[in-house]
Amino acid sequence: MSVTMRTLLPARLLAWAVVVGAAGAAAAQGPLVKYGDPVPRDVREMYDAGIRYLLKTQDASGVWKDGQSGPGVTGMAVMVLLASGEDPNFGPYREPLRRALRSMITAQDPDTGFLGGNTGHDSMYQHGFGMLALAESYGAVDDRGLWGTDDAGQRSRRRSIGQALELAVRCAVTSAKRNPLGAWRYSPDAKDADTSVTGAVLMGLLAARNAGIEVPDETIVRACKYVRSMTGPNGQVGYSGSPGGGSDAVTSIAVLVLSIARQKDTPEFKRALQYLKGRSRDNAQSAMEGYPTYTRYYRAQALFQGDVDAWDKWNMGLVRELKSMQGRDGSFAGFANRGGGFGGTVDTSLALLALAVNFKFKPIYER
């Protein structure tokens, strides 16, 4: 995986609404996973502090601009707010959510549905995460009255959340049809692919399908085939080009998307999960990668979907790690200061979304 944000993001940070369509847990696990253990106090306190930071740094237009910006970055913060457990329509985050959603829809190309904007190599990352946030919001956020009575010139951009999501899905499906690998890379017109961008877009599509938006089966099948093709004999997933040799982040992405796409019975999934579980025994390993919040974000979801007992053990270490890293202002911006980070909004959102698996409020956190 490349070492710039232009190769990573703009990636619930939580592959989110998608998870709603995940295969059910074993009968003995289901109720316990969904309703059992209370949320640890440390998790709740860290999460609330992180939200206060995000609310403080959102600008009047609804976006976040510290380090990285775009619909995908805004979408990450949207997912953090949605995962808090507060009512998105009457709770304290109602207005910040609506400002953020309006900014995302306004940034979307009304003809192509593209959410990437003028963000260079980050384009399909932005599109994937933005689509995921729209899918999580669709059905949860009542968008009647989302738009005010601003000038008539903006009316063409005043789409509902559902309309914006349908357009975003069409853009991703068209891009995949044009790609010989049936997957995605940085540009909607790319002819090559990588597992990191593909994971971001595929999770957005799976979430949209779960929310009731029509997504062609062929698109999902081809993208999952690409992900499986990148899985090496030992379960390690490759980033681009040839199988194997990739980071823990992309192996986690493979485990997650194959879980949500209901392909847990495939040999590639089983190998990748086994490899990831071995790598997750020592929590310190996650800090060795160049983008630790990105890795933690995907690893939390992948382990939870793949083996909830393995997630439970790893999660205890994650909570301790993040507690020691959170700044006094509630952010995780220190990752950027030390190198290997994206900036306050992205690093904070990704860290909080990794913790949010503990809440299990959002569909993506169900099994």
Protein backbone atom coordinates (compact mmCIF):
# COMPACT_ATOMS: atom_id res chain seq x y z
CA MET A 1 0.00 0.00 0.00
CA SER A 2 1.27 3.42 -0.86
CA VAL A 3 2.36 5.76 1.89
CA THR A 4 0.28 8.80 1.06
CA MET A 5 -3.32 9.57 1.78
CA ARG A 6 -3.77 9.69 -1.94
CA THR A 7 -3.53 5.93 -1.89
CA LEU A 8 -5.62 5.34 1.17
CA LEU A 9 -8.46 7.53 1.58
CA PRO A 10 -10.90 9.51 0.56
CA ALA A 11 -11.57 4.44 3.09
CA ARG A 12 -17.49 3.41 9.22
CA LEU A 13 -14.41 3.99 8.73
CA LEU A 14 -16.63 1.76 9.09
CA ALA A 15 -17.57 -0.13 5.96
CA TRP A 16 -20.92 0.40 7.58
CA ALA A 17 -24.46 -0.18 6.56
CA VAL A 18 -23.02 -3.01 4.78
CA VAL A 19 -22.54 -4.92 7.83
CA VAL A 20 -26.19 -5.04 8.29
CA GLY A 21 -26.28 -7.67 5.66
CA ALA A 22 -23.65 -9.80 7.31
CA ALA A 23 -24.25 -13.46 7.84
CA GLY A 24 -25.83 -14.26 11.20
CA ALA A 25 -23.71 -15.32 14.11
CA ALA A 26 -23.92 -18.73 15.63
CA ALA A 27 -27.11 -19.07 17.62
CA ALA A 28 -25.21 -19.11 20.88
CA GLN A 29 -23.32 -15.94 20.00
CA GLY A 30 -25.94 -13.73 18.41
CA PRO A 31 -27.84 -12.37 21.43
CA LEU A 32 -24.65 -12.04 23.46
CA VAL A 33 -22.84 -10.16 20.76
CA LYS A 34 -25.72 -7.78 20.11
CA TYR A 35 -27.12 -7.23 23.58
CA GLY A 36 -24.72 -8.63 26.13
CA ASP A 37 -21.76 -6.83 27.56
CA PRO A 38 -22.13 -3.18 28.58
CA VAL A 39 -19.92 -0.66 26.83
CA PRO A 40 -16.72 -0.15 28.85
CA ARG A 41 -16.57 3.24 30.53
CA ASP A 42 -13.22 4.05 28.92
CA VAL A 43 -14.71 3.48 25.47
CA ARG A 44 -17.68 5.75 26.11
CA GLU A 45 -15.50 8.52 27.54
CA MET A 46 -13.03 8.36 24.65
CA TYR A 47 -15.83 8.37 22.13
CA ASP A 48 -17.60 11.35 23.66
CA ALA A 49 -14.34 13.31 23.83
CA GLY A 50 -13.64 12.51 20.19
CA ILE A 51 -17.09 13.67 19.13
CA ARG A 52 -16.60 16.96 20.96
CA TYR A 53 -13.42 17.46 18.94
CA LEU A 54 -15.21 16.73 15.66
CA LEU A 55 -18.08 19.07 16.46
CA LYS A 56 -15.65 21.83 17.35
CA THR A 57 -13.71 21.49 14.09
CA GLN A 58 -16.66 21.22 11.66
CA ASP A 59 -16.95 24.44 9.67
CA ALA A 60 -20.14 26.36 8.96
CA SER A 61 -20.60 24.66 5.58
CA GLY A 62 -20.64 21.24 7.25
CA VAL A 63 -17.21 19.97 6.18
CA TRP A 64 -13.93 19.20 7.92
CA LYS A 65 -10.70 20.48 6.39
CA ASP A 66 -7.81 19.66 8.74
CA GLY A 67 -5.28 17.68 6.75
CA GLN A 68 -7.70 15.94 4.39
CA SER A 69 -11.08 17.03 3.06
CA GLY A 70 -13.83 15.88 0.75
CA PRO A 71 -17.10 13.92 0.85
CA GLY A 72 -15.35 10.79 2.10
CA VAL A 73 -13.69 12.60 4.99
CA THR A 74 -16.99 14.26 5.89
CA GLY A 75 -18.66 10.88 5.55
CA MET A 76 -16.33 9.36 8.14
CA ALA A 77 -17.33 11.98 10.67
CA VAL A 78 -21.00 11.41 9.78
CA MET A 79 -20.59 7.72 10.58
CA VAL A 80 -19.01 8.56 13.94
CA LEU A 81 -22.04 10.65 14.86
CA LEU A 82 -24.47 7.99 13.65
CA ALA A 83 -22.68 5.30 15.66
CA SER A 84 -22.93 7.27 18.90
CA GLY A 85 -26.37 5.91 19.74
CA GLU A 86 -27.95 9.36 19.81
CA ASP A 87 -31.14 9.92 17.82
CA PRO A 88 -30.01 11.46 14.49
CA ASN A 89 -33.32 13.28 14.08
CA PHE A 90 -33.91 14.74 17.53
CA GLY A 91 -30.64 14.27 19.39
CA PRO A 92 -27.78 16.72 19.96
CA TYR A 93 -26.09 15.91 16.63
CA ARG A 94 -29.10 16.61 14.44
CA GLU A 95 -27.84 19.87 12.95
CA PRO A 96 -24.16 18.87 12.53
CA LEU A 97 -25.34 15.75 10.69
CA ARG A 98 -27.56 17.71 8.36
CA ARG A 99 -24.89 20.28 7.58
CA ALA A 100 -22.48 17.47 6.77
CA LEU A 101 -24.96 15.62 4.55
CA ARG A 102 -25.86 18.79 2.67
CA SER A 103 -22.18 19.44 1.98
CA MET A 104 -21.70 15.91 0.63
CA ILE A 105 -24.70 16.07 -1.66
CA THR A 106 -23.73 19.51 -2.91
CA ALA A 107 -20.23 18.23 -3.73
CA GLN A 108 -21.62 15.31 -5.75
CA ASP A 109 -21.60 15.61 -9.52
CA PRO A 110 -25.32 15.74 -10.39
CA ASP A 111 -24.77 14.03 -13.74
CA THR A 112 -22.33 11.22 -12.95
CA GLY A 113 -23.00 10.75 -9.24
CA PHE A 114 -19.29 10.99 -8.52
CA LEU A 115 -18.43 12.01 -4.94
CA GLY A 116 -14.70 12.36 -5.45
CA GLY A 117 -14.62 15.99 -6.47
CA ASN A 118 -11.28 17.49 -7.44
CA THR A 119 -9.28 15.36 -5.03
CA GLY A 120 -6.75 13.78 -7.34
CA HIS A 121 -5.77 10.23 -6.48
CA ASP A 122 -8.09 10.17 -3.49
CA SER A 123 -11.14 10.27 -5.72
CA MET A 124 -12.54 6.73 -5.43
CA TYR A 125 -11.62 6.58 -1.75
CA GLN A 126 -13.73 9.68 -1.27
CA HIS A 127 -16.49 8.13 -3.34
CA GLY A 128 -16.47 4.84 -1.43
CA PHE A 129 -16.53 6.37 2.04
CA GLY A 130 -19.03 9.00 0.99
CA MET A 131 -21.32 6.33 -0.45
CA LEU A 132 -20.99 4.31 2.75
CA ALA A 133 -22.01 7.30 4.87
CA LEU A 134 -25.00 8.03 2.64
CA ALA A 135 -26.07 4.39 2.92
CA GLU A 136 -25.83 4.53 6.72
CA SER A 137 -27.80 7.77 6.76
CA TYR A 138 -30.49 6.56 4.36
CA GLY A 139 -33.42 5.37 6.41
CA ALA A 140 -31.88 6.66 9.65
CA VAL A 141 -31.94 10.39 8.93
CA ASP A 142 -35.26 11.99 8.08
CA ASP A 143 -34.24 14.30 5.27
CA ARG A 144 -37.53 16.14 4.96
CA GLY A 145 -36.45 19.70 5.49
CA LEU A 146 -32.81 18.84 4.84
CA TRP A 147 -32.67 21.76 2.44
CA GLY A 148 -33.59 25.32 3.24
CA THR A 149 -34.84 28.03 0.92
CA ASP A 150 -31.52 29.15 -0.49
CA ASP A 151 -31.22 30.49 -4.02
CA ALA A 152 -32.89 28.74 -6.92
CA GLY A 153 -29.54 28.03 -8.55
CA GLN A 154 -28.93 25.31 -5.99
CA ARG A 155 -32.17 23.44 -6.58
CA SER A 156 -30.62 21.03 -9.07
CA ARG A 157 -28.29 19.85 -6.30
CA ARG A 158 -30.99 19.47 -3.66
CA ARG A 159 -31.24 15.72 -3.87
CA SER A 160 -32.56 13.58 -1.08
CA ILE A 161 -30.19 11.18 0.63
CA GLY A 162 -31.74 8.30 -1.30
CA GLN A 163 -31.38 10.06 -4.64
CA ALA A 164 -27.75 10.93 -3.91
CA LEU A 165 -27.07 7.33 -2.88
CA GLU A 166 -28.63 5.92 -6.06
CA LEU A 167 -26.47 8.25 -8.16
CA ALA A 168 -23.34 7.24 -6.23
CA VAL A 169 -24.13 3.56 -6.76
CA ARG A 170 -24.60 4.11 -10.49
CA CYS A 171 -21.20 5.80 -10.68
CA ALA A 172 -19.45 2.92 -8.89
CA VAL A 173 -21.21 0.26 -10.99
CA THR A 174 -20.33 2.05 -14.23
CA SER A 175 -16.70 2.36 -13.13
CA ALA A 176 -16.50 -1.38 -12.36
CA LYS A 177 -18.01 -2.31 -15.73
CA ARG A 178 -15.27 -0.36 -17.48
CA ASN A 179 -12.52 -1.96 -15.42
CA PRO A 180 -11.12 -5.25 -16.80
CA LEU A 181 -10.71 -6.53 -13.22
CA GLY A 182 -14.19 -5.53 -12.12
CA ALA A 183 -12.71 -3.55 -9.24
CA TRP A 184 -11.51 -0.01 -8.55
CA ARG A 185 -8.51 2.19 -8.11
CA TYR A 186 -8.06 5.95 -7.68
CA SER A 187 -9.94 7.21 -10.73
CA PRO A 188 -13.43 6.20 -11.89
CA ASP A 189 -11.82 5.54 -15.28
CA ALA A 190 -8.95 3.39 -13.97
CA LYS A 191 -8.14 0.14 -15.76
CA ASP A 192 -6.18 -1.35 -12.85
CA ALA A 193 -7.22 -1.98 -9.26
CA ASP A 194 -6.05 -2.39 -5.68
CA THR A 195 -7.62 -4.05 -2.66
CA SER A 196 -7.63 -0.88 -0.55
CA VAL A 197 -9.71 1.28 -2.88
CA THR A 198 -11.79 -1.73 -3.88
CA GLY A 199 -12.62 -2.36 -0.23
CA ALA A 200 -13.80 1.22 0.26
CA VAL A 201 -16.07 1.17 -2.80
CA LEU A 202 -17.31 -2.39 -2.29
CA MET A 203 -18.33 -1.67 1.30
CA GLY A 204 -20.27 1.34 0.10
CA LEU A 205 -22.09 -0.79 -2.46
CA LEU A 206 -22.83 -3.57 0.01
CA ALA A 207 -24.20 -1.02 2.45
CA ALA A 208 -26.36 0.52 -0.26
CA ARG A 209 -27.70 -2.89 -1.25
CA ASN A 210 -28.44 -3.63 2.36
CA ALA A 211 -30.33 -0.33 2.58
CA GLY A 212 -32.58 -1.36 -0.31
CA ILE A 213 -30.82 0.27 -3.26
CA GLU A 214 -30.53 -1.91 -6.36
CA VAL A 215 -26.95 -3.05 -6.94
CA PRO A 216 -26.25 -5.56 -9.75
CA ASP A 217 -25.13 -8.94 -8.47
CA GLU A 218 -22.52 -9.04 -11.21
CA THR A 219 -20.76 -6.01 -9.74
CA ILE A 220 -20.49 -7.60 -6.29
CA VAL A 221 -19.47 -10.99 -7.69
CA ARG A 222 -16.66 -9.58 -9.87
CA ALA A 223 -15.29 -7.36 -7.11
CA CYS A 224 -15.23 -10.22 -4.60
CA LYS A 225 -13.54 -12.43 -7.18
CA TYR A 226 -10.80 -9.81 -7.49
CA VAL A 227 -10.35 -9.69 -3.71
CA ARG A 228 -10.11 -13.48 -3.52
CA SER A 229 -7.60 -13.49 -6.37
CA MET A 230 -5.30 -11.28 -4.29
CA THR A 231 -5.18 -13.78 -1.41
CA GLY A 232 -1.90 -15.66 -1.11
CA PRO A 233 -1.42 -19.30 -0.03
CA ASN A 234 -0.78 -18.28 3.59
CA GLY A 235 -3.84 -16.01 3.70
CA GLN A 236 -1.98 -12.72 3.40
CA VAL A 237 -3.74 -10.48 0.89
CA GLY A 238 -1.87 -8.41 -1.68
CA TYR A 239 -2.36 -4.73 -2.36
CA SER A 240 -2.14 -4.68 -6.15
CA GLY A 241 -0.72 -6.74 -8.97
CA SER A 242 -0.03 -10.16 -7.50
CA PRO A 243 -1.46 -12.17 -4.59
CA GLY A 244 -0.03 -12.00 -1.08
CA GLY A 245 2.53 -9.75 0.52
CA GLY A 246 0.18 -6.94 1.52
CA SER A 247 -0.37 -5.13 4.79
CA ASP A 248 -2.56 -6.19 7.68
CA ALA A 249 -4.94 -3.43 6.58
CA VAL A 250 -5.68 -4.99 3.19
CA THR A 251 -5.92 -8.48 4.67
CA SER A 252 -8.48 -7.07 7.12
CA ILE A 253 -10.36 -5.48 4.22
CA ALA A 254 -10.57 -8.83 2.46
CA VAL A 255 -11.88 -10.59 5.56
CA LEU A 256 -14.48 -7.85 6.08
CA VAL A 257 -15.83 -7.61 2.53
CA LEU A 258 -16.01 -11.38 2.09
CA SER A 259 -17.86 -11.61 5.42
CA ILE A 260 -20.40 -8.99 4.43
CA ALA A 261 -20.76 -10.46 0.94
CA ARG A 262 -21.56 -13.82 2.56
CA GLN A 263 -18.52 -15.62 1.24
CA LYS A 264 -17.24 -17.02 4.52
CA ASP A 265 -17.29 -20.52 3.06
CA THR A 266 -14.61 -19.72 0.49
CA PRO A 267 -11.07 -21.03 1.05
CA GLU A 268 -9.65 -17.55 0.53
CA PHE A 269 -11.74 -16.13 3.38
CA LYS A 270 -10.73 -18.94 5.72
CA ARG A 271 -7.03 -18.49 4.94
CA ALA A 272 -7.17 -14.72 5.30
CA LEU A 273 -9.02 -14.89 8.62
CA GLN A 274 -6.56 -17.40 10.02
CA TYR A 275 -3.64 -15.22 8.95
CA LEU A 276 -5.22 -12.10 10.48
CA LYS A 277 -5.98 -13.83 13.76
CA GLY A 278 -2.34 -14.84 14.02
CA ARG A 279 -1.23 -11.27 13.36
CA SER A 280 -3.72 -9.95 15.92
CA ARG A 281 -2.41 -11.87 18.89
CA ASP A 282 0.02 -9.07 19.68
CA ASN A 283 -1.76 -5.74 19.56
CA ALA A 284 1.54 -3.91 19.17
CA GLN A 285 1.82 -5.27 15.64
CA SER A 286 -0.90 -2.90 14.48
CA ALA A 287 1.24 0.09 15.43
CA MET A 288 4.05 -1.10 13.17
CA GLU A 289 2.20 -0.19 10.00
CA GLY A 290 2.43 3.21 8.36
CA TYR A 291 -1.22 4.11 8.91
CA PRO A 292 -2.22 2.58 12.24
CA THR A 293 -5.70 4.12 12.53
CA TYR A 294 -6.58 2.82 9.06
CA THR A 295 -5.42 -0.67 10.04
CA ARG A 296 -7.25 -0.62 13.37
CA TYR A 297 -10.44 0.58 11.71
CA TYR A 298 -10.59 -2.39 9.35
CA ARG A 299 -9.10 -4.94 11.74
CA ALA A 300 -11.78 -4.23 14.36
CA GLN A 301 -14.58 -4.91 11.89
CA ALA A 302 -12.86 -7.87 10.25
CA LEU A 303 -12.22 -9.71 13.52
CA PHE A 304 -15.71 -8.96 14.81
CA GLN A 305 -17.26 -10.41 11.66
CA GLY A 306 -14.80 -13.28 11.33
CA ASP A 307 -14.30 -14.50 14.90
CA VAL A 308 -15.96 -12.56 17.71
CA ASP A 309 -13.84 -14.27 20.39
CA ALA A 310 -10.66 -13.16 18.63
CA TRP A 311 -12.09 -9.64 18.37
CA ASP A 312 -12.96 -9.57 22.07
CA LYS A 313 -9.38 -10.38 23.08
CA TRP A 314 -7.86 -7.95 20.60
CA ASN A 315 -10.35 -5.22 21.47
CA MET A 316 -9.19 -5.09 25.09
CA GLY A 317 -5.72 -4.18 23.89
CA LEU A 318 -7.11 -1.70 21.39
CA VAL A 319 -8.95 0.22 24.11
CA ARG A 320 -5.76 0.47 26.20
CA GLU A 321 -3.72 1.62 23.20
CA LEU A 322 -6.12 4.31 22.08
CA LYS A 323 -6.65 5.61 25.60
CA SER A 324 -2.92 6.31 25.83
CA MET A 325 -2.90 8.05 22.43
CA GLN A 326 -5.91 10.37 22.62
CA GLY A 327 -5.05 14.05 22.98
CA ARG A 328 -6.48 16.36 25.61
CA ASP A 329 -8.68 17.91 22.93
CA GLY A 330 -10.23 14.50 22.22
CA SER A 331 -8.46 14.03 18.89
CA PHE A 332 -6.06 11.42 17.62
CA ALA A 333 -4.19 13.99 15.55
CA GLY A 334 -0.90 12.89 17.09
CA PHE A 335 -0.61 10.16 14.48
CA ALA A 336 -0.09 12.83 11.84
CA ASN A 337 2.43 14.66 14.00
CA ARG A 338 4.50 11.49 14.37
CA GLY A 339 4.18 10.53 10.72
CA GLY A 340 1.90 7.86 9.36
CA GLY A 341 -1.28 9.80 9.96
CA PHE A 342 -3.88 11.60 7.90
CA GLY A 343 -4.80 14.55 10.08
CA GLY A 344 -7.16 15.29 12.93
CA THR A 345 -10.50 14.50 11.31
CA VAL A 346 -9.54 11.28 9.56
CA ASP A 347 -7.37 9.81 12.31
CA THR A 348 -9.92 10.72 14.96
CA SER A 349 -12.83 9.32 12.95
CA LEU A 350 -11.04 6.07 12.14
CA ALA A 351 -9.99 5.54 15.75
CA LEU A 352 -13.51 6.21 17.03
CA LEU A 353 -15.06 3.93 14.45
CA ALA A 354 -12.75 1.12 15.53
CA LEU A 355 -14.01 1.66 19.09
CA ALA A 356 -17.63 1.94 17.95
CA VAL A 357 -17.79 -1.79 17.30
CA ASN A 358 -18.26 -2.01 21.08
CA PHE A 359 -21.57 -0.14 20.80
CA LYS A 360 -23.17 -2.34 18.13
CA PHE A 361 -25.70 0.41 17.49
CA LYS A 362 -25.22 0.51 13.72
CA PRO A 363 -26.13 -2.24 11.29
CA ILE A 364 -22.54 -2.79 10.28
CA TYR A 365 -21.74 -3.85 13.81
CA GLU A 366 -24.32 -6.60 13.80
CA ARG A 367 -23.42 -10.20 13.08
